Amino acid sequence: MIIRECNNHDAEKFLQMLQQLDKETKFMLFEPGERKTTVEQMQKSIESIVKSNSLQLVVEDKDKIVGFLLARRGTLQRNKHCAYVVIGILEKYRGRKIGQRLFMKMEEWAKISDIHRLELTVMTHNKAAIKLYEKMGFKKEGIKEKSLVVDGKFVDEFYMAKII
């Protein structure tokens, strides 16, 4: 498996992986079938991430994208030292330390990109993700109460962050 930066040639495969994630897990934002993004829109999104000096990594296995990590950098003078992190890995590939490898690569980028704060949110019942984030040095900073609705029920999220 290769971890590398995403480029707009990845748009179709990246979109397919996101749509599969939408079906496989309830821990991501989109419901199955809710993502209406076209390949062209995905290409523009990837280009936008590159232009904003943010980072989008993909995990590639045999010409298929199986996971990703996005670190979206703040765009203003007061928050450009921060990056908001989103990660997703297809079910078949979980438990292989891919998440740890993605976080380590992101931290390398953060250090050379003058990022001093990494932040994310995670559903409070997503024990595996919380375990990974804490292992990678993230700390809980607070709770977003009733921040999402999943299967008709309110779900709380933890705010987590790591200072570099």
C-alpha atoms as a PDB file:
ATOM      1  CA  MET A   1       0.000   0.000   0.000  1.00  0.00           C
ATOM      2  CA  ILE A   2       1.152   3.490  -0.854  1.00  0.00           C
ATOM      3  CA  ILE A   3       0.307   6.703   0.976  1.00  0.00           C
ATOM      4  CA  ARG A   4       0.665   9.768  -1.230  1.00  0.00           C
ATOM      5  CA  GLU A   5      -0.834  13.178  -1.881  1.00  0.00           C
ATOM      6  CA  CYS A   6      -4.106  13.201  -3.776  1.00  0.00           C
ATOM      7  CA  ASN A   7      -4.194  14.823  -7.214  1.00  0.00           C
ATOM      8  CA  ASN A   8      -7.033  15.617  -9.606  1.00  0.00           C
ATOM      9  CA  HIS A   9      -6.300  12.440 -11.623  1.00  0.00           C
ATOM     10  CA  ASP A  10      -7.573  10.573  -8.532  1.00  0.00           C
ATOM     11  CA  ALA A  11     -10.995  12.241  -8.625  1.00  0.00           C
ATOM     12  CA  GLU A  12     -13.036   9.299  -9.916  1.00  0.00           C
ATOM     13  CA  LYS A  13     -11.413   6.660  -7.692  1.00  0.00           C
ATOM     14  CA  PHE A  14     -11.480   8.994  -4.694  1.00  0.00           C
ATOM     15  CA  LEU A  15     -15.176   9.676  -5.192  1.00  0.00           C
ATOM     16  CA  GLN A  16     -15.889   5.931  -5.492  1.00  0.00           C
ATOM     17  CA  MET A  17     -14.045   5.308  -2.210  1.00  0.00           C
ATOM     18  CA  LEU A  18     -16.028   8.071  -0.458  1.00  0.00           C
ATOM     19  CA  GLN A  19     -19.309   6.634  -1.753  1.00  0.00           C
ATOM     20  CA  GLN A  20     -18.300   3.197  -0.469  1.00  0.00           C
ATOM     21  CA  LEU A  21     -17.398   4.712   2.926  1.00  0.00           C
ATOM     22  CA  ASP A  22     -20.835   6.358   3.010  1.00  0.00           C
ATOM     23  CA  LYS A  23     -22.370   2.862   2.777  1.00  0.00           C
ATOM     24  CA  GLU A  24     -19.970   1.108   5.157  1.00  0.00           C
ATOM     25  CA  THR A  25     -19.934   3.364   8.193  1.00  0.00           C
ATOM     26  CA  LYS A  26     -22.216   5.642  10.172  1.00  0.00           C
ATOM     27  CA  PHE A  27     -19.216   7.502  11.603  1.00  0.00           C
ATOM     28  CA  MET A  28     -18.756   9.752   8.541  1.00  0.00           C
ATOM     29  CA  LEU A  29     -20.926  12.752   7.710  1.00  0.00           C
ATOM     30  CA  PHE A  30     -22.779  11.576   4.585  1.00  0.00           C
ATOM     31  CA  GLU A  31     -25.667   9.109   4.549  1.00  0.00           C
ATOM     32  CA  PRO A  32     -25.596   6.438   1.799  1.00  0.00           C
ATOM     33  CA  GLY A  33     -26.711   8.020  -1.490  1.00  0.00           C
ATOM     34  CA  GLU A  34     -26.595  11.553  -0.083  1.00  0.00           C
ATOM     35  CA  ARG A  35     -23.295  12.488  -1.787  1.00  0.00           C
ATOM     36  CA  LYS A  36     -24.211  14.017  -5.170  1.00  0.00           C
ATOM     37  CA  THR A  37     -20.694  15.105  -6.141  1.00  0.00           C
ATOM     38  CA  THR A  38     -19.673  14.612  -9.779  1.00  0.00           C
ATOM     39  CA  VAL A  39     -16.166  13.625 -10.889  1.00  0.00           C
ATOM     40  CA  GLU A  40     -15.683  17.168 -12.229  1.00  0.00           C
ATOM     41  CA  GLN A  41     -16.729  18.682  -8.901  1.00  0.00           C
ATOM     42  CA  MET A  42     -14.339  16.320  -7.109  1.00  0.00           C
ATOM     43  CA  GLN A  43     -11.505  17.439  -9.395  1.00  0.00           C
ATOM     44  CA  LYS A  44     -12.231  21.068  -8.500  1.00  0.00           C
ATOM     45  CA  SER A  45     -12.377  20.181  -4.803  1.00  0.00           C
ATOM     46  CA  ILE A  46      -8.986  18.461  -4.978  1.00  0.00           C
ATOM     47  CA  GLU A  47      -7.502  21.446  -6.844  1.00  0.00           C
ATOM     48  CA  SER A  48      -8.945  23.788  -4.202  1.00  0.00           C
ATOM     49  CA  ILE A  49      -7.300  21.805  -1.406  1.00  0.00           C
ATOM     50  CA  VAL A  50      -3.934  21.970  -3.151  1.00  0.00           C
ATOM     51  CA  LYS A  51      -4.267  25.743  -3.780  1.00  0.00           C
ATOM     52  CA  SER A  52      -5.146  26.388  -0.124  1.00  0.00           C
ATOM     53  CA  ASN A  53      -1.877  24.801   1.057  1.00  0.00           C
ATOM     54  CA  SER A  54      -3.883  22.100   2.790  1.00  0.00           C
ATOM     55  CA  LEU A  55      -3.074  18.398   2.653  1.00  0.00           C
ATOM     56  CA  GLN A  56      -5.060  15.495   1.250  1.00  0.00           C
ATOM     57  CA  LEU A  57      -3.457  12.079   1.455  1.00  0.00           C
ATOM     58  CA  VAL A  58      -4.801   8.919  -0.143  1.00  0.00           C
ATOM     59  CA  VAL A  59      -4.027   5.290   0.563  1.00  0.00           C
ATOM     60  CA  GLU A  60      -3.675   3.303  -2.638  1.00  0.00           C
ATOM     61  CA  ASP A  61      -3.761  -0.487  -2.883  1.00  0.00           C
ATOM     62  CA  LYS A  62      -3.433  -2.112  -6.304  1.00  0.00           C
ATOM     63  CA  ASP A  63      -4.691   0.929  -8.220  1.00  0.00           C
ATOM     64  CA  LYS A  64      -7.631   1.423  -5.834  1.00  0.00           C
ATOM     65  CA  ILE A  65      -8.007   4.205  -3.272  1.00  0.00           C
ATOM     66  CA  VAL A  66      -8.902   2.638   0.075  1.00  0.00           C
ATOM     67  CA  GLY A  67      -8.535   5.508   2.530  1.00  0.00           C
ATOM     68  CA  PHE A  68      -7.732   9.172   2.968  1.00  0.00           C
ATOM     69  CA  LEU A  69      -6.774  11.915   5.365  1.00  0.00           C
ATOM     70  CA  LEU A  70      -7.597  15.575   4.821  1.00  0.00           C
ATOM     71  CA  ALA A  71      -5.957  18.338   6.847  1.00  0.00           C
ATOM     72  CA  ARG A  72      -7.683  21.569   5.819  1.00  0.00           C
ATOM     73  CA  ARG A  73      -5.639  24.563   6.835  1.00  0.00           C
ATOM     74  CA  GLY A  74      -7.189  27.763   8.140  1.00  0.00           C
ATOM     75  CA  THR A  75      -7.303  30.487   5.504  1.00  0.00           C
ATOM     76  CA  LEU A  76      -7.079  33.627   7.618  1.00  0.00           C
ATOM     77  CA  GLN A  77      -4.160  35.247   9.397  1.00  0.00           C
ATOM     78  CA  ARG A  78      -5.587  34.271  12.781  1.00  0.00           C
ATOM     79  CA  ASN A  79      -6.178  30.580  12.015  1.00  0.00           C
ATOM     80  CA  LYS A  80      -3.693  29.623   9.288  1.00  0.00           C
ATOM     81  CA  HIS A  81      -1.618  27.815  11.945  1.00  0.00           C
ATOM     82  CA  CYS A  82      -4.506  25.338  12.466  1.00  0.00           C
ATOM     83  CA  ALA A  83      -5.693  22.415  10.361  1.00  0.00           C
ATOM     84  CA  TYR A  84      -8.987  20.531  10.666  1.00  0.00           C
ATOM     85  CA  VAL A  85      -8.538  16.783  10.136  1.00  0.00           C
ATOM     86  CA  VAL A  86     -10.886  14.243   8.538  1.00  0.00           C
ATOM     87  CA  ILE A  87      -9.908  10.604   8.039  1.00  0.00           C
ATOM     88  CA  GLY A  88     -11.653   7.605   6.500  1.00  0.00           C
ATOM     89  CA  ILE A  89     -10.514   4.064   5.746  1.00  0.00           C
ATOM     90  CA  LEU A  90     -12.544   1.369   4.026  1.00  0.00           C
ATOM     91  CA  GLU A  91     -13.711  -1.369   6.383  1.00  0.00           C
ATOM     92  CA  LYS A  92     -11.628  -4.115   4.756  1.00  0.00           C
ATOM     93  CA  TYR A  93      -8.447  -2.101   5.419  1.00  0.00           C
ATOM     94  CA  ARG A  94      -9.005  -1.112   9.050  1.00  0.00           C
ATOM     95  CA  GLY A  95      -6.831  -2.548  11.793  1.00  0.00           C
ATOM     96  CA  ARG A  96      -3.643  -2.446   9.676  1.00  0.00           C
ATOM     97  CA  LYS A  97      -2.091   0.687  11.237  1.00  0.00           C
ATOM     98  CA  ILE A  98      -2.987   2.714   8.132  1.00  0.00           C
ATOM     99  CA  GLY A  99      -4.522   5.434  10.321  1.00  0.00           C
ATOM    100  CA  GLN A 100      -1.291   5.757  12.305  1.00  0.00           C
ATOM    101  CA  ARG A 101       0.729   6.008   9.094  1.00  0.00           C
ATOM    102  CA  LEU A 102      -1.606   8.703   7.741  1.00  0.00           C
ATOM    103  CA  PHE A 103      -1.303  10.721  10.959  1.00  0.00           C
ATOM    104  CA  MET A 104       2.503  10.443  10.947  1.00  0.00           C
ATOM    105  CA  LYS A 105       2.676  11.700   7.348  1.00  0.00           C
ATOM    106  CA  MET A 106       0.307  14.530   8.205  1.00  0.00           C
ATOM    107  CA  GLU A 107       2.470  15.571  11.135  1.00  0.00           C
ATOM    108  CA  GLU A 108       5.556  15.672   8.891  1.00  0.00           C
ATOM    109  CA  TRP A 109       3.625  18.025   6.595  1.00  0.00           C
ATOM    110  CA  ALA A 110       2.359  20.090   9.547  1.00  0.00           C
ATOM    111  CA  LYS A 111       5.850  20.682  10.895  1.00  0.00           C
ATOM    112  CA  ILE A 112       7.196  21.997   7.585  1.00  0.00           C
ATOM    113  CA  SER A 113       3.965  23.929   6.884  1.00  0.00           C
ATOM    114  CA  ASP A 114       3.995  25.968  10.096  1.00  0.00           C
ATOM    115  CA  ILE A 115       0.902  24.210  11.482  1.00  0.00           C
ATOM    116  CA  HIS A 116       0.815  24.255  15.278  1.00  0.00           C
ATOM    117  CA  ARG A 117      -2.684  22.947  15.999  1.00  0.00           C
ATOM    118  CA  LEU A 118      -4.482  19.920  14.557  1.00  0.00           C
ATOM    119  CA  GLU A 119      -8.166  19.545  15.399  1.00  0.00           C
ATOM    120  CA  LEU A 120     -11.038  17.203  14.677  1.00  0.00           C
ATOM    121  CA  THR A 121     -14.415  16.022  15.890  1.00  0.00           C
ATOM    122  CA  VAL A 122     -15.424  12.434  16.559  1.00  0.00           C
ATOM    123  CA  MET A 123     -18.679  10.806  17.650  1.00  0.00           C
ATOM    124  CA  THR A 124     -18.423  10.023  21.342  1.00  0.00           C
ATOM    125  CA  HIS A 125     -19.275   6.346  20.771  1.00  0.00           C
ATOM    126  CA  ASN A 126     -16.598   5.802  18.062  1.00  0.00           C
ATOM    127  CA  LYS A 127     -14.234   4.017  20.436  1.00  0.00           C
ATOM    128  CA  ALA A 128     -11.761   2.793  17.781  1.00  0.00           C
ATOM    129  CA  ALA A 129     -11.255   6.281  16.343  1.00  0.00           C
ATOM    130  CA  ILE A 130     -10.922   7.872  19.789  1.00  0.00           C
ATOM    131  CA  LYS A 131      -8.308   5.263  20.705  1.00  0.00           C
ATOM    132  CA  LEU A 132      -6.326   6.081  17.532  1.00  0.00           C
ATOM    133  CA  TYR A 133      -6.544   9.838  18.069  1.00  0.00           C
ATOM    134  CA  GLU A 134      -5.429   9.574  21.695  1.00  0.00           C
ATOM    135  CA  LYS A 135      -2.571   7.268  20.663  1.00  0.00           C
ATOM    136  CA  MET A 136      -1.495   9.937  18.174  1.00  0.00           C
ATOM    137  CA  GLY A 137      -1.470  12.593  20.911  1.00  0.00           C
ATOM    138  CA  PHE A 138      -4.891  14.215  20.522  1.00  0.00           C
ATOM    139  CA  LYS A 139      -6.743  15.327  23.647  1.00  0.00           C
ATOM    140  CA  LYS A 140     -10.438  15.859  24.254  1.00  0.00           C
ATOM    141  CA  GLU A 141     -11.244  19.547  24.614  1.00  0.00           C
ATOM    142  CA  GLY A 142     -15.015  19.486  24.875  1.00  0.00           C
ATOM    143  CA  ILE A 143     -18.319  18.024  23.731  1.00  0.00           C
ATOM    144  CA  LYS A 144     -20.562  19.142  20.883  1.00  0.00           C
ATOM    145  CA  GLU A 145     -23.925  18.061  22.238  1.00  0.00           C
ATOM    146  CA  LYS A 146     -26.531  16.795  19.770  1.00  0.00           C
ATOM    147  CA  SER A 147     -24.282  17.812  16.892  1.00  0.00           C
ATOM    148  CA  LEU A 148     -25.484  15.110  14.486  1.00  0.00           C
ATOM    149  CA  VAL A 149     -28.552  12.978  13.859  1.00  0.00           C
ATOM    150  CA  VAL A 150     -27.811   9.337  13.017  1.00  0.00           C
ATOM    151  CA  ASP A 151     -30.639   6.846  12.538  1.00  0.00           C
ATOM    152  CA  GLY A 152     -33.067   9.421  13.917  1.00  0.00           C
ATOM    153  CA  LYS A 153     -31.137   9.853  17.178  1.00  0.00           C
ATOM    154  CA  PHE A 154     -29.010  12.756  18.352  1.00  0.00           C
ATOM    155  CA  VAL A 155     -25.302  12.026  18.605  1.00  0.00           C
ATOM    156  CA  ASP A 156     -22.695  13.967  20.579  1.00  0.00           C
ATOM    157  CA  GLU A 157     -19.178  14.564  19.320  1.00  0.00           C
ATOM    158  CA  PHE A 158     -15.913  15.235  21.118  1.00  0.00           C
ATOM    159  CA  TYR A 159     -13.759  18.168  20.060  1.00  0.00           C
ATOM    160  CA  MET A 160     -10.178  16.865  20.013  1.00  0.00           C
ATOM    161  CA  ALA A 161      -6.931  18.634  19.242  1.00  0.00           C
ATOM    162  CA  LYS A 162      -3.188  18.182  19.249  1.00  0.00           C
ATOM    163  CA  ILE A 163      -0.698  20.997  19.726  1.00  0.00           C
ATOM    164  CA  ILE A 164       2.513  20.538  17.785  1.00  0.00           C
END
